[in-house]
Amino acid sequence: MPPPVDREKKKPKLIGYPLSDAQILRLLEGIPEDEAGNRWRFAIQLLGVYGLRPEELRYLVVKPAAEGPELWCQYRKATGGHEATPPRKLHPLLVRD
């Protein structure tokens, strides 16, 4: 008879909280006004406005459309053995404060 199998205890799921609009603005204010600072500022603005993950910044493309240019993310996230997510058109998030 095989020995009993010990079931691994699942770790409790960690809950993360996004930065508030005010916290993002304070972060942007603290970035130096130089070339590198401007690039960081723009990256953080994209993350905040479009709700992007940092790795998605490398996959942004602008596509022409009848209403004007559209921002798309070509990042394809694979989820637990399922097909990867399709590219998606980005829509800005509303500012809360």
PDB file of N, CA and C in Angstrom:
ATOM      1  N   MET A   1       0.846  -1.177   0.000  1.00  0.00           N
ATOM      2  CA  MET A   1       0.000   0.000   0.000  1.00  0.00           C
ATOM      3  C   MET A   1       0.895   1.245   0.000  1.00  0.00           C
ATOM      4  N   PRO A   2       0.642   2.210  -0.960  1.00  0.00           N
ATOM      5  CA  PRO A   2       1.482   3.412  -1.031  1.00  0.00           C
ATOM      6  C   PRO A   2       1.237   4.323   0.177  1.00  0.00           C
ATOM      7  N   PRO A   3       2.255   5.098   0.515  1.00  0.00           N
ATOM      8  CA  PRO A   3       2.076   6.021   1.651  1.00  0.00           C
ATOM      9  C   PRO A   3       1.051   7.097   1.304  1.00  0.00           C
ATOM     10  N   PRO A   4       0.392   7.672   2.326  1.00  0.00           N
ATOM     11  CA  PRO A   4      -0.603   8.719   2.053  1.00  0.00           C
ATOM     12  C   PRO A   4       0.064   9.961   1.453  1.00  0.00           C
ATOM     13  N   VAL A   5      -0.667  10.624   0.605  1.00  0.00           N
ATOM     14  CA  VAL A   5      -0.158  11.822  -0.063  1.00  0.00           C
ATOM     15  C   VAL A   5      -0.487  13.039   0.800  1.00  0.00           C
ATOM     16  N   ASP A   6       0.539  13.801   1.099  1.00  0.00           N
ATOM     17  CA  ASP A   6       0.310  15.041   1.851  1.00  0.00           C
ATOM     18  C   ASP A   6      -0.122  16.115   0.873  1.00  0.00           C
ATOM     19  N   ARG A   7      -1.249  16.687   1.130  1.00  0.00           N
ATOM     20  CA  ARG A   7      -1.716  17.784   0.269  1.00  0.00           C
ATOM     21  C   ARG A   7      -1.030  19.068   0.717  1.00  0.00           C
ATOM     22  N   GLU A   8      -0.499  19.773  -0.272  1.00  0.00           N
ATOM     23  CA  GLU A   8       0.168  21.031   0.045  1.00  0.00           C
ATOM     24  C   GLU A   8      -0.870  22.070   0.430  1.00  0.00           C
ATOM     25  N   LYS A   9      -0.564  22.807   1.467  1.00  0.00           N
ATOM     26  CA  LYS A   9      -1.460  23.892   1.861  1.00  0.00           C
ATOM     27  C   LYS A   9      -1.230  25.060   0.920  1.00  0.00           C
ATOM     28  N   LYS A  10      -2.316  25.589   0.396  1.00  0.00           N
ATOM     29  CA  LYS A  10      -2.195  26.741  -0.493  1.00  0.00           C
ATOM     30  C   LYS A  10      -1.899  27.981   0.335  1.00  0.00           C
ATOM     31  N   LYS A  11      -1.005  28.788  -0.203  1.00  0.00           N
ATOM     32  CA  LYS A  11      -0.693  30.049   0.458  1.00  0.00           C
ATOM     33  C   LYS A  11      -1.885  30.981   0.295  1.00  0.00           C
ATOM     34  N   PRO A  12      -2.170  31.775   1.315  1.00  0.00           N
ATOM     35  CA  PRO A  12      -3.285  32.724   1.156  1.00  0.00           C
ATOM     36  C   PRO A  12      -2.965  33.724   0.054  1.00  0.00           C
ATOM     37  N   LYS A  13      -3.987  34.082  -0.695  1.00  0.00           N
ATOM     38  CA  LYS A  13      -3.809  35.006  -1.807  1.00  0.00           C
ATOM     39  C   LYS A  13      -3.515  36.408  -1.266  1.00  0.00           C
ATOM     40  N   LEU A  14      -2.475  37.014  -1.796  1.00  0.00           N
ATOM     41  CA  LEU A  14      -2.131  38.370  -1.386  1.00  0.00           C
ATOM     42  C   LEU A  14      -3.003  39.359  -2.149  1.00  0.00           C
ATOM     43  N   ILE A  15      -3.476  40.341  -1.446  1.00  0.00           N
ATOM     44  CA  ILE A  15      -4.313  41.360  -2.069  1.00  0.00           C
ATOM     45  C   ILE A  15      -3.455  42.596  -2.276  1.00  0.00           C
ATOM     46  N   GLY A  16      -3.393  43.070  -3.502  1.00  0.00           N
ATOM     47  CA  GLY A  16      -2.630  44.270  -3.804  1.00  0.00           C
ATOM     48  C   GLY A  16      -3.564  45.448  -4.014  1.00  0.00           C
ATOM     49  N   TYR A  17      -3.094  46.604  -3.683  1.00  0.00           N
ATOM     50  CA  TYR A  17      -3.894  47.813  -3.853  1.00  0.00           C
ATOM     51  C   TYR A  17      -3.176  48.754  -4.808  1.00  0.00           C
ATOM     52  N   PRO A  18      -3.876  49.262  -5.816  1.00  0.00           N
ATOM     53  CA  PRO A  18      -3.231  50.192  -6.743  1.00  0.00           C
ATOM     54  C   PRO A  18      -2.969  51.532  -6.066  1.00  0.00           C
ATOM     55  N   LEU A  19      -2.100  52.295  -6.672  1.00  0.00           N
ATOM     56  CA  LEU A  19      -1.851  53.648  -6.178  1.00  0.00           C
ATOM     57  C   LEU A  19      -3.072  54.521  -6.468  1.00  0.00           C
ATOM     58  N   SER A  20      -3.336  55.453  -5.587  1.00  0.00           N
ATOM     59  CA  SER A  20      -4.426  56.402  -5.829  1.00  0.00           C
ATOM     60  C   SER A  20      -3.961  57.438  -6.847  1.00  0.00           C
ATOM     61  N   ASP A  21      -4.906  58.188  -7.399  1.00  0.00           N
ATOM     62  CA  ASP A  21      -4.551  59.238  -8.353  1.00  0.00           C
ATOM     63  C   ASP A  21      -3.601  60.247  -7.716  1.00  0.00           C
ATOM     64  N   ALA A  22      -3.880  60.617  -6.463  1.00  0.00           N
ATOM     65  CA  ALA A  22      -3.029  61.594  -5.771  1.00  0.00           C
ATOM     66  C   ALA A  22      -1.614  61.045  -5.577  1.00  0.00           C
ATOM     67  N   GLN A  23      -1.491  59.752  -5.263  1.00  0.00           N
ATOM     68  CA  GLN A  23      -0.166  59.157  -5.091  1.00  0.00           C
ATOM     69  C   GLN A  23       0.614  59.143  -6.409  1.00  0.00           C
ATOM     70  N   ILE A  24      -0.066  58.865  -7.502  1.00  0.00           N
ATOM     71  CA  ILE A  24       0.599  58.876  -8.813  1.00  0.00           C
ATOM     72  C   ILE A  24       1.077  60.286  -9.135  1.00  0.00           C
ATOM     73  N   LEU A  25       0.247  61.291  -8.853  1.00  0.00           N
ATOM     74  CA  LEU A  25       0.646  62.680  -9.124  1.00  0.00           C
ATOM     75  C   LEU A  25       1.852  63.078  -8.285  1.00  0.00           C
ATOM     76  N   ARG A  26       1.884  62.664  -7.011  1.00  0.00           N
ATOM     77  CA  ARG A  26       3.036  62.975  -6.157  1.00  0.00           C
ATOM     78  C   ARG A  26       4.293  62.270  -6.672  1.00  0.00           C
ATOM     79  N   LEU A  27       4.132  61.042  -7.151  1.00  0.00           N
ATOM     80  CA  LEU A  27       5.261  60.311  -7.719  1.00  0.00           C
ATOM     81  C   LEU A  27       5.808  61.049  -8.938  1.00  0.00           C
ATOM     82  N   LEU A  28       4.920  61.507  -9.815  1.00  0.00           N
ATOM     83  CA  LEU A  28       5.342  62.231 -11.013  1.00  0.00           C
ATOM     84  C   LEU A  28       6.037  63.542 -10.669  1.00  0.00           C
ATOM     85  N   GLU A  29       5.573  64.219  -9.633  1.00  0.00           N
ATOM     86  CA  GLU A  29       6.184  65.485  -9.220  1.00  0.00           C
ATOM     87  C   GLU A  29       7.608  65.283  -8.719  1.00  0.00           C
ATOM     88  N   GLY A  30       7.911  64.098  -8.194  1.00  0.00           N
ATOM     89  CA  GLY A  30       9.232  63.825  -7.637  1.00  0.00           C
ATOM     90  C   GLY A  30      10.273  63.409  -8.659  1.00  0.00           C
ATOM     91  N   ILE A  31       9.872  63.252  -9.906  1.00  0.00           N
ATOM     92  CA  ILE A  31      10.811  62.825 -10.942  1.00  0.00           C
ATOM     93  C   ILE A  31      11.559  64.047 -11.477  1.00  0.00           C
ATOM     94  N   PRO A  32      12.888  63.959 -11.626  1.00  0.00           N
ATOM     95  CA  PRO A  32      13.664  65.116 -12.101  1.00  0.00           C
ATOM     96  C   PRO A  32      13.265  65.546 -13.511  1.00  0.00           C
ATOM     97  N   GLU A  33      13.469  66.822 -13.793  1.00  0.00           N
ATOM     98  CA  GLU A  33      13.149  67.410 -15.107  1.00  0.00           C
ATOM     99  C   GLU A  33      14.359  67.305 -16.034  1.00  0.00           C
ATOM    100  N   ASP A  34      14.691  66.090 -16.432  1.00  0.00           N
ATOM    101  CA  ASP A  34      15.761  65.888 -17.408  1.00  0.00           C
ATOM    102  C   ASP A  34      15.287  64.856 -18.422  1.00  0.00           C
ATOM    103  N   GLU A  35      16.151  64.491 -19.360  1.00  0.00           N
ATOM    104  CA  GLU A  35      15.740  63.579 -20.432  1.00  0.00           C
ATOM    105  C   GLU A  35      15.291  62.219 -19.886  1.00  0.00           C
ATOM    106  N   ALA A  36      16.076  61.651 -18.990  1.00  0.00           N
ATOM    107  CA  ALA A  36      15.713  60.358 -18.405  1.00  0.00           C
ATOM    108  C   ALA A  36      14.441  60.489 -17.568  1.00  0.00           C
ATOM    109  N   GLY A  37      14.340  61.574 -16.825  1.00  0.00           N
ATOM    110  CA  GLY A  37      13.145  61.814 -16.007  1.00  0.00           C
ATOM    111  C   GLY A  37      11.895  61.935 -16.856  1.00  0.00           C
ATOM    112  N   ASN A  38      12.013  62.581 -18.006  1.00  0.00           N
ATOM    113  CA  ASN A  38      10.854  62.705 -18.903  1.00  0.00           C
ATOM    114  C   ASN A  38      10.398  61.349 -19.435  1.00  0.00           C
ATOM    115  N   ARG A  39      11.362  60.471 -19.730  1.00  0.00           N
ATOM    116  CA  ARG A  39      10.996  59.125 -20.197  1.00  0.00           C
ATOM    117  C   ARG A  39      10.300  58.343 -19.089  1.00  0.00           C
ATOM    118  N   TRP A  40      10.835  58.425 -17.854  1.00  0.00           N
ATOM    119  CA  TRP A  40      10.196  57.740 -16.726  1.00  0.00           C
ATOM    120  C   TRP A  40       8.805  58.302 -16.456  1.00  0.00           C
ATOM    121  N   ARG A  41       8.680  59.616 -16.531  1.00  0.00           N
ATOM    122  CA  ARG A  41       7.381  60.261 -16.295  1.00  0.00           C
ATOM    123  C   ARG A  41       6.341  59.757 -17.302  1.00  0.00           C
ATOM    124  N   PHE A  42       6.733  59.704 -18.574  1.00  0.00           N
ATOM    125  CA  PHE A  42       5.813  59.251 -19.609  1.00  0.00           C
ATOM    126  C   PHE A  42       5.417  57.787 -19.391  1.00  0.00           C
ATOM    127  N   ALA A  43       6.387  56.949 -19.009  1.00  0.00           N
ATOM    128  CA  ALA A  43       6.094  55.533 -18.748  1.00  0.00           C
ATOM    129  C   ALA A  43       5.108  55.387 -17.592  1.00  0.00           C
ATOM    130  N   ILE A  44       5.322  56.136 -16.521  1.00  0.00           N
ATOM    131  CA  ILE A  44       4.428  56.053 -15.361  1.00  0.00           C
ATOM    132  C   ILE A  44       3.044  56.593 -15.718  1.00  0.00           C
ATOM    133  N   GLN A  45       2.988  57.640 -16.526  1.00  0.00           N
ATOM    134  CA  GLN A  45       1.698  58.162 -16.971  1.00  0.00           C
ATOM    135  C   GLN A  45       0.944  57.115 -17.788  1.00  0.00           C
ATOM    136  N   LEU A  46       1.632  56.413 -18.680  1.00  0.00           N
ATOM    137  CA  LEU A  46       0.985  55.358 -19.466  1.00  0.00           C
ATOM    138  C   LEU A  46       0.455  54.249 -18.552  1.00  0.00           C
ATOM    139  N   LEU A  47       1.256  53.847 -17.569  1.00  0.00           N
ATOM    140  CA  LEU A  47       0.814  52.810 -16.634  1.00  0.00           C
ATOM    141  C   LEU A  47      -0.443  53.244 -15.893  1.00  0.00           C
ATOM    142  N   GLY A  48      -0.446  54.490 -15.412  1.00  0.00           N
ATOM    143  CA  GLY A  48      -1.574  54.981 -14.638  1.00  0.00           C
ATOM    144  C   GLY A  48      -2.832  55.218 -15.459  1.00  0.00           C
ATOM    145  N   VAL A  49      -2.680  55.817 -16.629  1.00  0.00           N
ATOM    146  CA  VAL A  49      -3.840  56.185 -17.442  1.00  0.00           C
ATOM    147  C   VAL A  49      -4.496  54.963 -18.084  1.00  0.00           C
ATOM    148  N   TYR A  50      -3.684  53.999 -18.513  1.00  0.00           N
ATOM    149  CA  TYR A  50      -4.230  52.847 -19.228  1.00  0.00           C
ATOM    150  C   TYR A  50      -4.262  51.568 -18.394  1.00  0.00           C
ATOM    151  N   GLY A  51      -3.811  51.629 -17.148  1.00  0.00           N
ATOM    152  CA  GLY A  51      -3.837  50.451 -16.289  1.00  0.00           C
ATOM    153  C   GLY A  51      -2.951  49.321 -16.798  1.00  0.00           C
ATOM    154  N   LEU A  52      -1.807  49.678 -17.345  1.00  0.00           N
ATOM    155  CA  LEU A  52      -0.906  48.686 -17.932  1.00  0.00           C
ATOM    156  C   LEU A  52      -0.003  48.061 -16.884  1.00  0.00           C
ATOM    157  N   ARG A  53       0.488  46.874 -17.197  1.00  0.00           N
ATOM    158  CA  ARG A  53       1.558  46.252 -16.425  1.00  0.00           C
ATOM    159  C   ARG A  53       2.876  46.781 -17.007  1.00  0.00           C
ATOM    160  N   PRO A  54       3.931  46.893 -16.196  1.00  0.00           N
ATOM    161  CA  PRO A  54       5.191  47.433 -16.718  1.00  0.00           C
ATOM    162  C   PRO A  54       5.703  46.710 -17.965  1.00  0.00           C
ATOM    163  N   GLU A  55       5.570  45.379 -18.023  1.00  0.00           N
ATOM    164  CA  GLU A  55       6.100  44.652 -19.189  1.00  0.00           C
ATOM    165  C   GLU A  55       5.328  44.968 -20.471  1.00  0.00           C
ATOM    166  N   GLU A  56       4.109  45.493 -20.343  1.00  0.00           N
ATOM    167  CA  GLU A  56       3.313  45.804 -21.528  1.00  0.00           C
ATOM    168  C   GLU A  56       3.785  47.063 -22.261  1.00  0.00           C
ATOM    169  N   LEU A  57       4.603  47.870 -21.630  1.00  0.00           N
ATOM    170  CA  LEU A  57       5.092  49.094 -22.266  1.00  0.00           C
ATOM    171  C   LEU A  57       5.852  48.804 -23.557  1.00  0.00           C
ATOM    172  N   ARG A  58       6.529  47.666 -23.623  1.00  0.00           N
ATOM    173  CA  ARG A  58       7.305  47.311 -24.821  1.00  0.00           C
ATOM    174  C   ARG A  58       6.432  46.844 -25.974  1.00  0.00           C
ATOM    175  N   TYR A  59       5.151  46.639 -25.729  1.00  0.00           N
ATOM    176  CA  TYR A  59       4.260  46.073 -26.742  1.00  0.00           C
ATOM    177  C   TYR A  59       3.193  47.058 -27.219  1.00  0.00           C
ATOM    178  N   LEU A  60       3.399  48.349 -27.009  1.00  0.00           N
ATOM    179  CA  LEU A  60       2.423  49.343 -27.420  1.00  0.00           C
ATOM    180  C   LEU A  60       2.642  49.741 -28.883  1.00  0.00           C
ATOM    181  N   VAL A  61       1.542  49.848 -29.613  1.00  0.00           N
ATOM    182  CA  VAL A  61       1.598  50.297 -31.003  1.00  0.00           C
ATOM    183  C   VAL A  61       0.435  51.252 -31.252  1.00  0.00           C
ATOM    184  N   VAL A  62       0.651  52.166 -32.179  1.00  0.00           N
ATOM    185  CA  VAL A  62      -0.406  53.093 -32.593  1.00  0.00           C
ATOM    186  C   VAL A  62      -0.914  52.618 -33.941  1.00  0.00           C
ATOM    187  N   LYS A  63      -2.235  52.417 -34.017  1.00  0.00           N
ATOM    188  CA  LYS A  63      -2.850  51.963 -35.270  1.00  0.00           C
ATOM    189  C   LYS A  63      -3.758  53.064 -35.806  1.00  0.00           C
ATOM    190  N   PRO A  64      -3.747  53.278 -37.113  1.00  0.00           N
ATOM    191  CA  PRO A  64      -4.654  54.280 -37.683  1.00  0.00           C
ATOM    192  C   PRO A  64      -6.096  53.771 -37.634  1.00  0.00           C
ATOM    193  N   ALA A  65      -7.015  54.693 -37.453  1.00  0.00           N
ATOM    194  CA  ALA A  65      -8.446  54.366 -37.450  1.00  0.00           C
ATOM    195  C   ALA A  65      -9.197  55.553 -38.033  1.00  0.00           C
ATOM    196  N   ALA A  66     -10.446  55.346 -38.410  1.00  0.00           N
ATOM    197  CA  ALA A  66     -11.260  56.411 -39.010  1.00  0.00           C
ATOM    198  C   ALA A  66     -11.417  57.593 -38.059  1.00  0.00           C
ATOM    199  N   GLU A  67     -11.544  57.315 -36.746  1.00  0.00           N
ATOM    200  CA  GLU A  67     -11.746  58.381 -35.753  1.00  0.00           C
ATOM    201  C   GLU A  67     -10.435  59.022 -35.309  1.00  0.00           C
ATOM    202  N   GLY A  68      -9.329  58.507 -35.761  1.00  0.00           N
ATOM    203  CA  GLY A  68      -8.020  58.997 -35.345  1.00  0.00           C
ATOM    204  C   GLY A  68      -7.179  57.830 -34.861  1.00  0.00           C
ATOM    205  N   PRO A  69      -5.916  58.069 -34.550  1.00  0.00           N
ATOM    206  CA  PRO A  69      -5.034  56.980 -34.136  1.00  0.00           C
ATOM    207  C   PRO A  69      -5.515  56.326 -32.837  1.00  0.00           C
ATOM    208  N   GLU A  70      -5.307  55.018 -32.731  1.00  0.00           N
ATOM    209  CA  GLU A  70      -5.691  54.257 -31.540  1.00  0.00           C
ATOM    210  C   GLU A  70      -4.449  53.598 -30.948  1.00  0.00           C
ATOM    211  N   LEU A  71      -4.411  53.528 -29.628  1.00  0.00           N
ATOM    212  CA  LEU A  71      -3.298  52.877 -28.937  1.00  0.00           C
ATOM    213  C   LEU A  71      -3.692  51.434 -28.639  1.00  0.00           C
ATOM    214  N   TRP A  72      -2.841  50.493 -29.034  1.00  0.00           N
ATOM    215  CA  TRP A  72      -3.090  49.078 -28.842  1.00  0.00           C
ATOM    216  C   TRP A  72      -1.937  48.453 -28.070  1.00  0.00           C
ATOM    217  N   CYS A  73      -2.244  47.417 -27.303  1.00  0.00           N
ATOM    218  CA  CYS A  73      -1.228  46.629 -26.617  1.00  0.00           C
ATOM    219  C   CYS A  73      -1.190  45.257 -27.270  1.00  0.00           C
ATOM    220  N   GLN A  74      -0.029  44.890 -27.802  1.00  0.00           N
ATOM    221  CA  GLN A  74       0.144  43.616 -28.492  1.00  0.00           C
ATOM    222  C   GLN A  74       0.602  42.497 -27.556  1.00  0.00           C
ATOM    223  N   TYR A  75       0.748  42.794 -26.270  1.00  0.00           N
ATOM    224  CA  TYR A  75       1.209  41.789 -25.297  1.00  0.00           C
ATOM    225  C   TYR A  75       0.189  40.663 -25.204  1.00  0.00           C
ATOM    226  N   ARG A  76       0.662  39.417 -25.274  1.00  0.00           N
ATOM    227  CA  ARG A  76      -0.234  38.255 -25.239  1.00  0.00           C
ATOM    228  C   ARG A  76       0.087  37.440 -23.998  1.00  0.00           C
ATOM    229  N   LYS A  77      -0.714  37.622 -22.968  1.00  0.00           N
ATOM    230  CA  LYS A  77      -0.498  36.937 -21.705  1.00  0.00           C
ATOM    231  C   LYS A  77      -1.123  35.543 -21.774  1.00  0.00           C
ATOM    232  N   ALA A  78      -0.309  34.526 -21.488  1.00  0.00           N
ATOM    233  CA  ALA A  78      -0.817  33.156 -21.432  1.00  0.00           C
ATOM    234  C   ALA A  78      -1.286  32.881 -20.001  1.00  0.00           C
ATOM    235  N   THR A  79      -2.450  32.281 -19.883  1.00  0.00           N
ATOM    236  CA  THR A  79      -3.017  32.047 -18.565  1.00  0.00           C
ATOM    237  C   THR A  79      -3.233  30.557 -18.324  1.00  0.00           C
ATOM    238  N   GLY A  80      -2.470  29.980 -17.429  1.00  0.00           N
ATOM    239  CA  GLY A  80      -2.652  28.618 -16.963  1.00  0.00           C
ATOM    240  C   GLY A  80      -3.027  27.579 -18.003  1.00  0.00           C
ATOM    241  N   GLY A  81      -2.273  27.461 -19.059  1.00  0.00           N
ATOM    242  CA  GLY A  81      -2.525  26.436 -20.049  1.00  0.00           C
ATOM    243  C   GLY A  81      -3.567  26.803 -21.089  1.00  0.00           C
ATOM    244  N   HIS A  82      -4.170  27.953 -20.963  1.00  0.00           N
ATOM    245  CA  HIS A  82      -5.155  28.398 -21.947  1.00  0.00           C
ATOM    246  C   HIS A  82      -4.457  29.209 -23.037  1.00  0.00           C
ATOM    247  N   GLU A  83      -5.213  29.543 -24.054  1.00  0.00           N
ATOM    248  CA  GLU A  83      -4.650  30.361 -25.123  1.00  0.00           C
ATOM    249  C   GLU A  83      -4.252  31.731 -24.588  1.00  0.00           C
ATOM    250  N   ALA A  84      -3.324  32.349 -25.260  1.00  0.00           N
ATOM    251  CA  ALA A  84      -2.883  33.689 -24.871  1.00  0.00           C
ATOM    252  C   ALA A  84      -3.977  34.702 -25.169  1.00  0.00           C
ATOM    253  N   THR A  85      -3.990  35.762 -24.390  1.00  0.00           N
ATOM    254  CA  THR A  85      -4.976  36.814 -24.592  1.00  0.00           C
ATOM    255  C   THR A  85      -4.712  37.510 -25.925  1.00  0.00           C
ATOM    256  N   PRO A  86      -5.752  37.971 -26.602  1.00  0.00           N
ATOM    257  CA  PRO A  86      -5.538  38.659 -27.884  1.00  0.00           C
ATOM    258  C   PRO A  86      -5.066  40.090 -27.664  1.00  0.00           C
ATOM    259  N   PRO A  87      -4.438  40.699 -28.675  1.00  0.00           N
ATOM    260  CA  PRO A  87      -4.094  42.122 -28.580  1.00  0.00           C
ATOM    261  C   PRO A  87      -5.368  42.921 -28.297  1.00  0.00           C
ATOM    262  N   ARG A  88      -5.194  44.061 -27.606  1.00  0.00           N
ATOM    263  CA  ARG A  88      -6.387  44.828 -27.231  1.00  0.00           C
ATOM    264  C   ARG A  88      -6.184  46.327 -27.437  1.00  0.00           C
ATOM    265  N   LYS A  89      -7.285  46.979 -27.771  1.00  0.00           N
ATOM    266  CA  LYS A  89      -7.302  48.434 -27.891  1.00  0.00           C
ATOM    267  C   LYS A  89      -7.349  48.999 -26.472  1.00  0.00           C
ATOM    268  N   LEU A  90      -6.563  50.020 -26.228  1.00  0.00           N
ATOM    269  CA  LEU A  90      -6.515  50.605 -24.886  1.00  0.00           C
ATOM    270  C   LEU A  90      -7.459  51.784 -24.775  1.00  0.00           C
ATOM    271  N   HIS A  91      -8.107  51.870 -23.630  1.00  0.00           N
ATOM    272  CA  HIS A  91      -9.016  52.961 -23.307  1.00  0.00           C
ATOM    273  C   HIS A  91      -8.533  53.612 -22.018  1.00  0.00           C
ATOM    274  N   PRO A  92      -8.445  54.940 -21.974  1.00  0.00           N
ATOM    275  CA  PRO A  92      -7.956  55.598 -20.764  1.00  0.00           C
ATOM    276  C   PRO A  92      -8.923  55.413 -19.603  1.00  0.00           C
ATOM    277  N   LEU A  93      -8.337  55.304 -18.400  1.00  0.00           N
ATOM    278  CA  LEU A  93      -9.125  55.227 -17.178  1.00  0.00           C
ATOM    279  C   LEU A  93      -9.489  56.640 -16.742  1.00  0.00           C
ATOM    280  N   LEU A  94     -10.644  56.795 -16.143  1.00  0.00           N
ATOM    281  CA  LEU A  94     -11.080  58.105 -15.674  1.00  0.00           C
ATOM    282  C   LEU A  94     -10.312  58.492 -14.403  1.00  0.00           C
ATOM    283  N   VAL A  95      -9.967  59.741 -14.287  1.00  0.00           N
ATOM    284  CA  VAL A  95      -9.317  60.249 -13.090  1.00  0.00           C
ATOM    285  C   VAL A  95     -10.369  60.372 -12.005  1.00  0.00           C
ATOM    286  N   ARG A  96     -10.059  59.901 -10.799  1.00  0.00           N
ATOM    287  CA  ARG A  96     -11.041  59.886  -9.726  1.00  0.00           C
ATOM    288  C   ARG A  96     -11.095  61.191  -8.945  1.00  0.00           C
ATOM    289  N   ASP A  97      -9.966  61.858  -8.772  1.00  0.00           N
ATOM    290  CA  ASP A  97      -9.930  63.060  -7.932  1.00  0.00           C
ATOM    291  C   ASP A  97      -9.751  64.281  -8.808  1.00  0.00           C
TER     292      ASP A  97
END
